[in-house]
N, C-alpha and C. Protein backbone atom coordinates (compact mmCIF):
# COMPACT_ATOMS: atom_id res chain seq x y z
N MET A 1 -19.79 -1.74 22.18
CA MET A 1 -18.55 -2.47 22.04
C MET A 1 -17.52 -1.67 21.15
N VAL A 2 -16.30 -1.47 21.62
CA VAL A 2 -15.37 -0.67 20.95
C VAL A 2 -14.40 -1.67 20.29
N ASN A 3 -14.19 -1.38 18.91
CA ASN A 3 -13.35 -2.29 18.16
C ASN A 3 -12.05 -1.55 18.23
N LYS A 4 -11.00 -2.53 18.41
CA LYS A 4 -9.68 -2.03 18.58
C LYS A 4 -9.04 -2.21 17.17
N ILE A 5 -8.33 -1.19 16.82
CA ILE A 5 -7.66 -1.11 15.51
C ILE A 5 -6.34 -1.67 15.73
N ARG A 6 -5.89 -2.78 15.12
CA ARG A 6 -4.54 -3.33 15.13
C ARG A 6 -3.67 -2.78 14.08
N THR A 7 -2.46 -2.44 14.53
CA THR A 7 -1.37 -1.92 13.70
C THR A 7 -0.22 -2.91 13.65
N TYR A 8 0.24 -3.20 12.51
CA TYR A 8 1.45 -4.12 12.33
C TYR A 8 2.67 -3.42 11.91
N SER A 9 3.79 -3.80 12.26
CA SER A 9 5.03 -3.20 11.96
C SER A 9 5.31 -3.55 10.51
N ALA A 10 6.19 -2.75 9.88
CA ALA A 10 6.65 -3.10 8.56
C ALA A 10 7.34 -4.44 8.42
N GLU A 11 8.08 -4.80 9.58
CA GLU A 11 8.81 -6.01 9.77
C GLU A 11 7.80 -7.28 9.67
N PHE A 12 6.65 -7.15 10.47
CA PHE A 12 5.71 -8.22 10.38
C PHE A 12 5.08 -8.37 9.10
N LYS A 13 4.79 -7.24 8.39
CA LYS A 13 4.13 -7.34 7.03
C LYS A 13 5.06 -8.01 6.12
N ALA A 14 6.27 -7.74 6.12
CA ALA A 14 7.35 -8.31 5.27
C ALA A 14 7.41 -9.72 5.46
N LYS A 15 7.47 -10.13 6.88
CA LYS A 15 7.55 -11.55 7.14
C LYS A 15 6.22 -12.29 6.66
N ALA A 16 5.13 -11.69 6.72
CA ALA A 16 3.78 -12.22 6.24
C ALA A 16 3.78 -12.51 4.78
N ILE A 17 4.29 -11.59 4.04
CA ILE A 17 4.62 -11.63 2.63
C ILE A 17 5.48 -12.82 2.31
N LYS A 18 6.64 -13.05 2.89
CA LYS A 18 7.43 -14.14 2.62
C LYS A 18 6.73 -15.35 2.98
N LYS A 19 5.93 -15.46 4.11
CA LYS A 19 5.27 -16.54 4.49
C LYS A 19 4.32 -17.08 3.26
N ILE A 20 3.61 -16.12 2.58
CA ILE A 20 2.75 -16.48 1.49
C ILE A 20 3.53 -17.33 0.49
N ALA A 21 4.79 -16.97 0.25
CA ALA A 21 5.54 -17.81 -0.79
C ALA A 21 5.86 -19.08 -0.22
N ASP A 22 6.03 -19.26 1.13
CA ASP A 22 6.17 -20.52 1.77
C ASP A 22 5.01 -21.53 1.59
N ASN A 23 3.80 -20.78 1.46
CA ASN A 23 2.53 -21.49 1.44
C ASN A 23 2.12 -21.61 0.01
N ASN A 24 3.01 -21.65 -0.91
CA ASN A 24 2.72 -21.68 -2.42
C ASN A 24 1.80 -20.69 -2.78
N GLY A 25 1.79 -19.58 -2.32
CA GLY A 25 0.97 -18.45 -2.81
C GLY A 25 -0.46 -18.40 -2.13
N ASN A 26 -0.66 -19.21 -1.21
CA ASN A 26 -1.96 -19.44 -0.64
C ASN A 26 -2.24 -18.28 0.55
N ILE A 27 -2.91 -17.22 0.09
CA ILE A 27 -3.07 -16.11 0.99
C ILE A 27 -3.96 -16.44 2.20
N SER A 28 -5.16 -17.19 1.86
CA SER A 28 -6.06 -17.62 2.77
C SER A 28 -5.43 -18.32 3.91
N ALA A 29 -4.61 -19.37 3.60
CA ALA A 29 -4.04 -20.24 4.58
C ALA A 29 -2.97 -19.51 5.42
N THR A 30 -2.30 -18.68 4.75
CA THR A 30 -1.26 -17.77 5.43
C THR A 30 -1.99 -16.87 6.48
N ALA A 31 -3.11 -16.24 6.09
CA ALA A 31 -3.73 -15.32 6.96
C ALA A 31 -4.39 -16.08 8.29
N LYS A 32 -4.85 -17.30 8.03
CA LYS A 32 -5.35 -18.12 9.17
C LYS A 32 -4.21 -18.32 10.00
N GLN A 33 -3.00 -18.74 9.43
CA GLN A 33 -1.82 -19.10 10.46
C GLN A 33 -1.29 -17.92 11.09
N LEU A 34 -1.52 -16.72 10.62
CA LEU A 34 -1.01 -15.49 11.29
C LEU A 34 -2.07 -14.87 12.22
N GLY A 35 -3.30 -15.39 11.98
CA GLY A 35 -4.50 -14.73 12.76
C GLY A 35 -4.81 -13.43 12.30
N ILE A 36 -4.67 -13.13 11.05
CA ILE A 36 -5.17 -11.78 10.49
C ILE A 36 -6.17 -12.14 9.47
N ALA A 37 -6.81 -10.97 9.05
CA ALA A 37 -7.93 -10.96 8.06
C ALA A 37 -7.21 -11.35 6.72
N MET A 38 -7.88 -12.12 5.90
CA MET A 38 -7.44 -12.38 4.60
C MET A 38 -7.37 -11.18 3.76
N GLN A 39 -8.29 -10.18 3.91
CA GLN A 39 -8.38 -9.00 3.03
C GLN A 39 -7.14 -8.14 3.33
N THR A 40 -6.78 -8.16 4.74
CA THR A 40 -5.62 -7.42 5.13
C THR A 40 -4.21 -7.80 4.48
N LEU A 41 -4.17 -9.14 4.50
CA LEU A 41 -2.94 -9.77 3.97
C LEU A 41 -2.99 -9.65 2.48
N SER A 42 -4.13 -9.79 1.85
CA SER A 42 -4.24 -9.57 0.42
C SER A 42 -3.87 -8.26 -0.03
N SER A 43 -4.15 -7.26 0.67
CA SER A 43 -3.81 -5.82 0.52
C SER A 43 -2.46 -5.65 0.59
N TRP A 44 -1.75 -6.23 1.63
CA TRP A 44 -0.20 -6.18 1.89
C TRP A 44 0.41 -6.70 0.55
N HIS A 45 -0.13 -7.88 0.27
CA HIS A 45 0.44 -8.68 -0.89
C HIS A 45 0.41 -7.76 -2.22
N ASN A 46 -0.71 -7.09 -2.46
CA ASN A 46 -0.83 -6.26 -3.66
C ASN A 46 0.06 -5.22 -3.61
N LYS A 47 0.12 -4.59 -2.46
CA LYS A 47 1.10 -3.41 -2.22
C LYS A 47 2.58 -3.96 -2.57
N ALA A 48 2.99 -5.02 -2.03
CA ALA A 48 4.16 -5.48 -2.29
C ALA A 48 4.52 -5.87 -3.73
N ASN A 49 3.67 -6.26 -4.39
CA ASN A 49 3.78 -6.57 -5.86
C ASN A 49 3.83 -5.22 -6.50
N GLN A 50 3.32 -4.26 -6.04
CA GLN A 50 3.44 -2.93 -6.71
C GLN A 50 4.63 -2.12 -6.31
N GLY A 51 5.45 -2.76 -5.34
CA GLY A 51 6.74 -2.11 -4.84
C GLY A 51 6.43 -0.96 -3.88
N LYS A 52 5.30 -1.01 -3.25
CA LYS A 52 4.93 0.09 -2.26
C LYS A 52 5.06 -0.33 -0.88
N LEU A 53 5.18 -1.59 -0.48
CA LEU A 53 5.25 -2.13 0.95
C LEU A 53 6.68 -2.09 1.50
N ILE A 54 6.83 -1.13 2.53
CA ILE A 54 8.16 -0.92 3.11
C ILE A 54 8.57 -2.29 3.72
N GLY A 55 9.94 -2.64 3.56
CA GLY A 55 10.49 -3.88 4.15
C GLY A 55 10.39 -5.10 3.22
N THR A 56 9.75 -5.00 2.07
CA THR A 56 9.90 -6.12 1.24
C THR A 56 10.82 -5.97 0.10
N GLU A 57 11.25 -7.08 -0.53
CA GLU A 57 12.31 -6.88 -1.55
C GLU A 57 11.80 -6.00 -2.73
N GLN A 58 10.54 -6.00 -2.94
CA GLN A 58 10.01 -5.30 -4.13
C GLN A 58 9.84 -3.71 -3.86
N TYR A 59 10.03 -3.38 -2.56
CA TYR A 59 9.99 -1.95 -2.08
C TYR A 59 10.89 -1.14 -2.92
N ASP A 60 10.54 0.00 -3.58
CA ASP A 60 11.31 0.78 -4.42
C ASP A 60 10.99 2.22 -3.94
N PRO A 61 12.02 2.76 -3.24
CA PRO A 61 11.82 4.16 -2.71
C PRO A 61 11.75 5.20 -3.97
N ASP A 62 12.43 4.89 -5.00
CA ASP A 62 12.34 5.79 -6.13
C ASP A 62 10.83 5.80 -6.64
N LEU A 63 10.23 4.67 -6.75
CA LEU A 63 8.88 4.64 -7.12
C LEU A 63 8.03 5.36 -6.34
N MET A 64 8.29 5.31 -5.03
CA MET A 64 7.38 5.95 -4.11
C MET A 64 7.54 7.46 -4.24
N ALA A 65 8.73 7.90 -4.37
CA ALA A 65 8.98 9.44 -4.55
C ALA A 65 8.35 9.85 -5.89
N ALA A 66 8.38 9.03 -6.79
CA ALA A 66 7.86 9.42 -8.03
C ALA A 66 6.21 9.52 -8.01
N ILE A 67 5.67 8.57 -7.20
CA ILE A 67 4.23 8.61 -6.93
C ILE A 67 3.82 9.91 -6.19
N GLN A 68 4.53 10.19 -5.14
CA GLN A 68 4.27 11.26 -4.35
C GLN A 68 4.39 12.56 -5.21
N GLU A 69 5.38 12.62 -6.11
CA GLU A 69 5.54 13.80 -6.99
C GLU A 69 4.37 13.92 -7.90
N ILE A 70 3.88 12.85 -8.45
CA ILE A 70 2.81 12.84 -9.42
C ILE A 70 1.54 13.39 -8.62
N LYS A 71 1.22 12.99 -7.50
CA LYS A 71 0.21 13.45 -6.68
C LYS A 71 0.27 14.84 -6.37
N GLN A 72 1.42 15.33 -6.08
CA GLN A 72 1.61 16.84 -5.79
C GLN A 72 1.39 17.64 -7.12
N LEU A 73 1.96 17.16 -8.30
CA LEU A 73 1.76 17.73 -9.46
C LEU A 73 0.18 17.78 -9.98
N ARG A 74 -0.44 16.68 -9.73
CA ARG A 74 -2.04 16.61 -10.01
C ARG A 74 -2.70 17.60 -9.17
N ARG A 75 -2.38 17.90 -7.82
CA ARG A 75 -2.97 18.81 -7.10
C ARG A 75 -2.65 20.23 -7.67
N GLN A 76 -1.39 20.51 -8.03
CA GLN A 76 -1.10 21.84 -8.52
C GLN A 76 -1.82 22.11 -9.92
N LEU A 77 -1.98 20.99 -10.68
CA LEU A 77 -2.78 21.11 -11.95
C LEU A 77 -4.34 21.48 -11.74
N LYS A 78 -4.91 20.83 -10.71
CA LYS A 78 -6.23 21.18 -10.47
C LYS A 78 -6.39 22.63 -9.99
N VAL A 79 -5.51 23.04 -9.18
CA VAL A 79 -5.56 24.44 -8.72
C VAL A 79 -5.37 25.28 -9.92
N ALA A 80 -4.36 25.11 -10.79
CA ALA A 80 -4.11 26.04 -11.96
C ALA A 80 -5.35 25.97 -12.93
N GLU A 81 -5.99 24.78 -13.07
CA GLU A 81 -7.17 24.74 -13.97
C GLU A 81 -8.30 25.39 -13.43
N LYS A 82 -8.50 25.54 -12.19
CA LYS A 82 -9.65 26.27 -11.40
C LYS A 82 -9.31 27.75 -11.58
N GLU A 83 -8.01 28.19 -11.42
CA GLU A 83 -7.70 29.48 -11.49
C GLU A 83 -8.01 29.97 -13.03
N ARG A 84 -7.50 29.26 -14.01
CA ARG A 84 -7.82 29.44 -15.25
C ARG A 84 -9.24 29.72 -15.63
N GLU A 85 -10.06 28.74 -15.15
CA GLU A 85 -11.43 28.80 -15.32
C GLU A 85 -12.13 30.04 -14.77
N ILE A 86 -11.65 30.44 -13.56
CA ILE A 86 -12.21 31.66 -12.95
C ILE A 86 -11.75 32.98 -13.78
N LEU A 87 -10.56 33.02 -14.27
CA LEU A 87 -10.12 34.11 -15.18
C LEU A 87 -10.90 34.12 -16.48
N ASN A 88 -11.26 33.05 -16.94
CA ASN A 88 -12.05 32.83 -18.29
C ASN A 88 -13.55 33.40 -18.17
N GLU A 89 -13.89 33.55 -16.87
CA GLU A 89 -15.35 33.89 -16.75
C GLU A 89 -15.63 35.24 -16.88
């Protein structure tokens, strides 16, 4: 049996997050109404609260750019630390 991976548009996700508010914050009931897994909706809700979910009011492109920069700098730091470690041997 092959499981089909469902993908949802940013617009659908944003509407689902708004629907949670309409249901007084009840994620479980909202997930049932939309026919999606509660864990999926909960994940979207957490991302929206962190400003990471595109299409929601909380989405902050500056925050996302800063997060990407931090990730890149951490990768560069790891490389530099390894290079320094090799040179110290």
